[in-house]
Amino acid sequence: MSLSNCTHRKSGMLPENYHSIASDYRDEQFYSFNPYCLIIAGNLKKEMNGDPEKIKSFELFRSELKDVKIITYDELFNKVESLIKILSQSPMR
């Protein structure tokens, strides 16, 4: 899915489906202000081949996006792996 497709769908889907979504939260208040789009794509290590200029360009690109978050599969995997390590080390109360 392209960036423009993502933002276009966001601007159409939430208003069109607000009442349907809100009905799922009958016992709770449901508010929607301006949710961001999330795109999960690619593999940072493979795509950038360790090239500092490519990495810098990608980081600048995604940091300037408004209402869209881009994360690569390997970054997502690393975040989940780190979270699992943290949760498995801390005592559950």
N, C-alpha and C. Protein backbone atom coordinates (compact mmCIF):
# COMPACT_ATOMS: atom_id res chain seq x y z
N MET A 1 0.85 -1.17 0.00
CA MET A 1 0.00 0.00 0.00
C MET A 1 0.90 1.23 0.00
N SER A 2 0.56 2.19 -0.81
CA SER A 2 1.36 3.41 -0.90
C SER A 2 0.97 4.39 0.21
N LEU A 3 1.83 5.38 0.43
CA LEU A 3 1.54 6.40 1.45
C LEU A 3 0.24 7.12 1.14
N SER A 4 0.07 7.52 -0.10
CA SER A 4 -1.15 8.26 -0.44
C SER A 4 -2.38 7.39 -0.28
N ASN A 5 -2.27 6.12 -0.60
CA ASN A 5 -3.38 5.20 -0.43
C ASN A 5 -3.72 5.05 1.05
N CYS A 6 -2.71 4.96 1.87
CA CYS A 6 -2.91 4.81 3.31
C CYS A 6 -3.64 6.02 3.89
N THR A 7 -3.18 7.21 3.58
CA THR A 7 -3.81 8.41 4.13
C THR A 7 -5.21 8.62 3.54
N HIS A 8 -5.38 8.26 2.28
CA HIS A 8 -6.70 8.38 1.65
C HIS A 8 -7.70 7.44 2.32
N ARG A 9 -7.29 6.23 2.56
CA ARG A 9 -8.19 5.26 3.20
C ARG A 9 -8.51 5.69 4.63
N LYS A 10 -7.51 6.24 5.33
CA LYS A 10 -7.75 6.71 6.70
C LYS A 10 -8.80 7.80 6.71
N SER A 11 -8.67 8.74 5.80
CA SER A 11 -9.60 9.87 5.79
C SER A 11 -11.01 9.43 5.43
N GLY A 12 -11.15 8.31 4.74
CA GLY A 12 -12.47 7.83 4.37
C GLY A 12 -13.04 6.79 5.30
N MET A 13 -12.19 5.90 5.79
CA MET A 13 -12.69 4.76 6.56
C MET A 13 -13.23 5.15 7.93
N LEU A 14 -12.54 6.02 8.64
CA LEU A 14 -12.99 6.33 9.99
C LEU A 14 -14.33 7.05 10.00
N PRO A 15 -14.50 8.12 9.22
CA PRO A 15 -15.82 8.76 9.22
C PRO A 15 -16.94 7.83 8.75
N GLU A 16 -16.65 7.00 7.76
CA GLU A 16 -17.66 6.09 7.23
C GLU A 16 -18.04 5.01 8.23
N ASN A 17 -17.09 4.59 9.06
CA ASN A 17 -17.32 3.46 9.96
C ASN A 17 -17.36 3.85 11.43
N TYR A 18 -17.42 5.13 11.73
CA TYR A 18 -17.36 5.60 13.12
C TYR A 18 -18.44 4.94 13.98
N HIS A 19 -19.69 4.98 13.52
CA HIS A 19 -20.79 4.46 14.33
C HIS A 19 -20.68 2.95 14.53
N SER A 20 -20.22 2.26 13.53
CA SER A 20 -20.03 0.81 13.66
C SER A 20 -18.93 0.51 14.68
N ILE A 21 -17.84 1.25 14.62
CA ILE A 21 -16.73 1.06 15.57
C ILE A 21 -17.17 1.44 16.97
N ALA A 22 -17.84 2.59 17.08
CA ALA A 22 -18.27 3.08 18.39
C ALA A 22 -19.26 2.12 19.05
N SER A 23 -20.08 1.43 18.26
CA SER A 23 -21.06 0.50 18.84
C SER A 23 -20.37 -0.68 19.51
N ASP A 24 -19.14 -0.98 19.12
CA ASP A 24 -18.39 -2.06 19.76
C ASP A 24 -17.93 -1.66 21.16
N TYR A 25 -17.99 -0.37 21.47
CA TYR A 25 -17.54 0.15 22.77
C TYR A 25 -18.73 0.73 23.53
N ARG A 26 -19.83 0.00 23.58
CA ARG A 26 -21.06 0.49 24.20
C ARG A 26 -20.86 0.90 25.65
N ASP A 27 -20.07 0.14 26.38
CA ASP A 27 -19.89 0.41 27.81
C ASP A 27 -18.78 1.43 28.08
N GLU A 28 -18.12 1.89 27.06
CA GLU A 28 -17.01 2.82 27.22
C GLU A 28 -17.20 4.01 26.28
N GLN A 29 -16.53 5.09 26.60
CA GLN A 29 -16.53 6.23 25.70
C GLN A 29 -15.57 5.94 24.55
N PHE A 30 -15.96 6.27 23.36
CA PHE A 30 -15.11 6.08 22.19
C PHE A 30 -14.89 7.41 21.52
N TYR A 31 -13.63 7.80 21.41
CA TYR A 31 -13.28 9.05 20.74
C TYR A 31 -12.25 8.76 19.67
N SER A 32 -12.35 9.47 18.61
CA SER A 32 -11.34 9.37 17.56
C SER A 32 -10.94 10.78 17.16
N PHE A 33 -9.67 11.08 17.35
CA PHE A 33 -9.21 12.43 17.05
C PHE A 33 -8.50 12.46 15.71
N ASN A 34 -7.34 11.90 15.66
CA ASN A 34 -6.59 11.87 14.41
C ASN A 34 -5.59 10.72 14.47
N PRO A 35 -6.09 9.50 14.29
CA PRO A 35 -5.17 8.36 14.37
C PRO A 35 -4.18 8.38 13.22
N TYR A 36 -3.02 7.84 13.46
CA TYR A 36 -2.03 7.79 12.39
C TYR A 36 -2.11 6.46 11.65
N CYS A 37 -1.60 6.45 10.46
CA CYS A 37 -1.51 5.23 9.66
C CYS A 37 -0.21 4.53 10.01
N LEU A 38 -0.22 3.25 9.99
CA LEU A 38 0.99 2.47 10.25
C LEU A 38 1.27 1.60 9.03
N ILE A 39 2.46 1.77 8.48
CA ILE A 39 2.90 0.96 7.35
C ILE A 39 4.07 0.11 7.82
N ILE A 40 3.93 -1.21 7.67
CA ILE A 40 5.01 -2.14 7.99
C ILE A 40 5.48 -2.71 6.67
N ALA A 41 6.73 -2.44 6.33
CA ALA A 41 7.23 -2.86 5.02
C ALA A 41 8.74 -3.00 5.02
N GLY A 42 9.23 -3.92 4.25
CA GLY A 42 10.65 -4.03 3.99
C GLY A 42 11.49 -4.52 5.15
N ASN A 43 12.78 -4.51 4.91
CA ASN A 43 13.77 -4.93 5.88
C ASN A 43 14.90 -3.91 5.81
N LEU A 44 15.07 -3.14 6.88
CA LEU A 44 16.04 -2.05 6.88
C LEU A 44 17.45 -2.53 6.56
N LYS A 45 17.86 -3.63 7.16
CA LYS A 45 19.22 -4.12 6.95
C LYS A 45 19.44 -4.55 5.50
N LYS A 46 18.47 -5.25 4.95
CA LYS A 46 18.62 -5.73 3.57
C LYS A 46 18.48 -4.61 2.56
N GLU A 47 17.51 -3.72 2.78
CA GLU A 47 17.24 -2.64 1.82
C GLU A 47 18.36 -1.62 1.77
N MET A 48 18.93 -1.29 2.94
CA MET A 48 19.93 -0.22 3.01
C MET A 48 21.36 -0.71 2.86
N ASN A 49 21.57 -2.01 2.99
CA ASN A 49 22.91 -2.60 2.85
C ASN A 49 23.97 -1.89 3.67
N GLY A 50 23.58 -1.33 4.81
CA GLY A 50 24.55 -0.64 5.66
C GLY A 50 25.05 0.68 5.11
N ASP A 51 24.45 1.18 4.06
CA ASP A 51 24.87 2.44 3.44
C ASP A 51 24.38 3.61 4.29
N PRO A 52 25.29 4.36 4.92
CA PRO A 52 24.89 5.46 5.80
C PRO A 52 24.04 6.53 5.11
N GLU A 53 24.29 6.78 3.85
CA GLU A 53 23.51 7.80 3.12
C GLU A 53 22.07 7.33 2.89
N LYS A 54 21.91 6.05 2.56
CA LYS A 54 20.56 5.51 2.38
C LYS A 54 19.79 5.52 3.71
N ILE A 55 20.48 5.13 4.76
CA ILE A 55 19.84 5.10 6.08
C ILE A 55 19.44 6.51 6.50
N LYS A 56 20.34 7.47 6.31
CA LYS A 56 20.04 8.86 6.66
C LYS A 56 18.85 9.37 5.87
N SER A 57 18.83 9.09 4.58
CA SER A 57 17.74 9.53 3.72
C SER A 57 16.41 8.92 4.17
N PHE A 58 16.41 7.64 4.48
CA PHE A 58 15.19 6.97 4.92
C PHE A 58 14.71 7.53 6.25
N GLU A 59 15.63 7.73 7.19
CA GLU A 59 15.27 8.27 8.50
C GLU A 59 14.69 9.68 8.37
N LEU A 60 15.30 10.51 7.52
CA LEU A 60 14.78 11.86 7.30
C LEU A 60 13.39 11.80 6.66
N PHE A 61 13.22 10.91 5.71
CA PHE A 61 11.93 10.76 5.04
C PHE A 61 10.83 10.39 6.03
N ARG A 62 11.06 9.34 6.80
CA ARG A 62 9.99 8.89 7.69
C ARG A 62 9.78 9.80 8.89
N SER A 63 10.80 10.55 9.29
CA SER A 63 10.59 11.48 10.41
C SER A 63 9.79 12.71 9.99
N GLU A 64 9.76 13.00 8.71
CA GLU A 64 9.02 14.17 8.22
C GLU A 64 7.57 13.86 7.86
N LEU A 65 7.19 12.61 7.88
CA LEU A 65 5.81 12.25 7.52
C LEU A 65 4.85 12.67 8.62
N LYS A 66 3.73 13.20 8.22
CA LYS A 66 2.70 13.60 9.16
C LYS A 66 1.59 12.55 9.13
N ASP A 67 1.22 12.06 10.27
CA ASP A 67 0.13 11.11 10.43
C ASP A 67 0.40 9.73 9.85
N VAL A 68 1.64 9.45 9.50
CA VAL A 68 2.00 8.13 8.98
C VAL A 68 3.28 7.67 9.69
N LYS A 69 3.24 6.47 10.22
CA LYS A 69 4.42 5.86 10.84
C LYS A 69 4.85 4.71 9.95
N ILE A 70 6.15 4.66 9.66
CA ILE A 70 6.70 3.56 8.87
C ILE A 70 7.68 2.80 9.75
N ILE A 71 7.50 1.49 9.78
CA ILE A 71 8.43 0.63 10.51
C ILE A 71 8.70 -0.58 9.60
N THR A 72 9.92 -1.05 9.64
CA THR A 72 10.26 -2.21 8.83
C THR A 72 10.03 -3.48 9.65
N TYR A 73 9.91 -4.59 8.94
CA TYR A 73 9.65 -5.86 9.63
C TYR A 73 10.75 -6.20 10.62
N ASP A 74 12.01 -5.96 10.26
CA ASP A 74 13.09 -6.29 11.18
C ASP A 74 13.07 -5.39 12.41
N GLU A 75 12.69 -4.12 12.25
CA GLU A 75 12.57 -3.23 13.40
C GLU A 75 11.43 -3.69 14.31
N LEU A 76 10.31 -4.06 13.72
CA LEU A 76 9.18 -4.55 14.51
C LEU A 76 9.56 -5.82 15.27
N PHE A 77 10.23 -6.72 14.57
CA PHE A 77 10.67 -7.96 15.21
C PHE A 77 11.59 -7.65 16.40
N ASN A 78 12.54 -6.72 16.22
CA ASN A 78 13.47 -6.37 17.29
C ASN A 78 12.73 -5.74 18.48
N LYS A 79 11.73 -4.92 18.20
CA LYS A 79 10.95 -4.31 19.29
C LYS A 79 10.19 -5.37 20.08
N VAL A 80 9.58 -6.30 19.37
CA VAL A 80 8.83 -7.37 20.04
C VAL A 80 9.79 -8.25 20.84
N GLU A 81 10.93 -8.56 20.26
CA GLU A 81 11.92 -9.38 20.95
C GLU A 81 12.40 -8.69 22.23
N SER A 82 12.66 -7.38 22.16
CA SER A 82 13.08 -6.62 23.34
C SER A 82 11.99 -6.60 24.40
N LEU A 83 10.76 -6.42 23.97
CA LEU A 83 9.64 -6.41 24.91
C LEU A 83 9.49 -7.75 25.60
N ILE A 84 9.64 -8.83 24.87
CA ILE A 84 9.57 -10.18 25.47
C ILE A 84 10.66 -10.36 26.51
N LYS A 85 11.88 -9.90 26.20
CA LYS A 85 12.99 -10.01 27.15
C LYS A 85 12.70 -9.22 28.42
N ILE A 86 12.20 -8.01 28.26
CA ILE A 86 11.90 -7.16 29.42
C ILE A 86 10.81 -7.80 30.27
N LEU A 87 9.75 -8.26 29.64
CA LEU A 87 8.63 -8.85 30.38
C LEU A 87 9.01 -10.16 31.04
N SER A 88 9.90 -10.91 30.43
CA SER A 88 10.28 -12.19 31.03
C SER A 88 11.26 -12.01 32.19
N GLN A 89 11.93 -10.87 32.26
CA GLN A 89 12.88 -10.61 33.34
C GLN A 89 12.22 -9.96 34.55
N SER A 90 11.19 -9.19 34.34
CA SER A 90 10.55 -8.50 35.48
C SER A 90 9.51 -9.40 36.12
N PRO A 91 9.48 -9.39 37.47
CA PRO A 91 8.49 -10.22 38.15
C PRO A 91 7.08 -9.67 37.90
N MET A 92 6.16 -10.58 37.64
CA MET A 92 4.77 -10.20 37.43
C MET A 92 4.10 -10.04 38.77
N ARG A 93 3.32 -8.98 38.94
CA ARG A 93 2.64 -8.75 40.21
C ARG A 93 1.16 -8.71 40.02
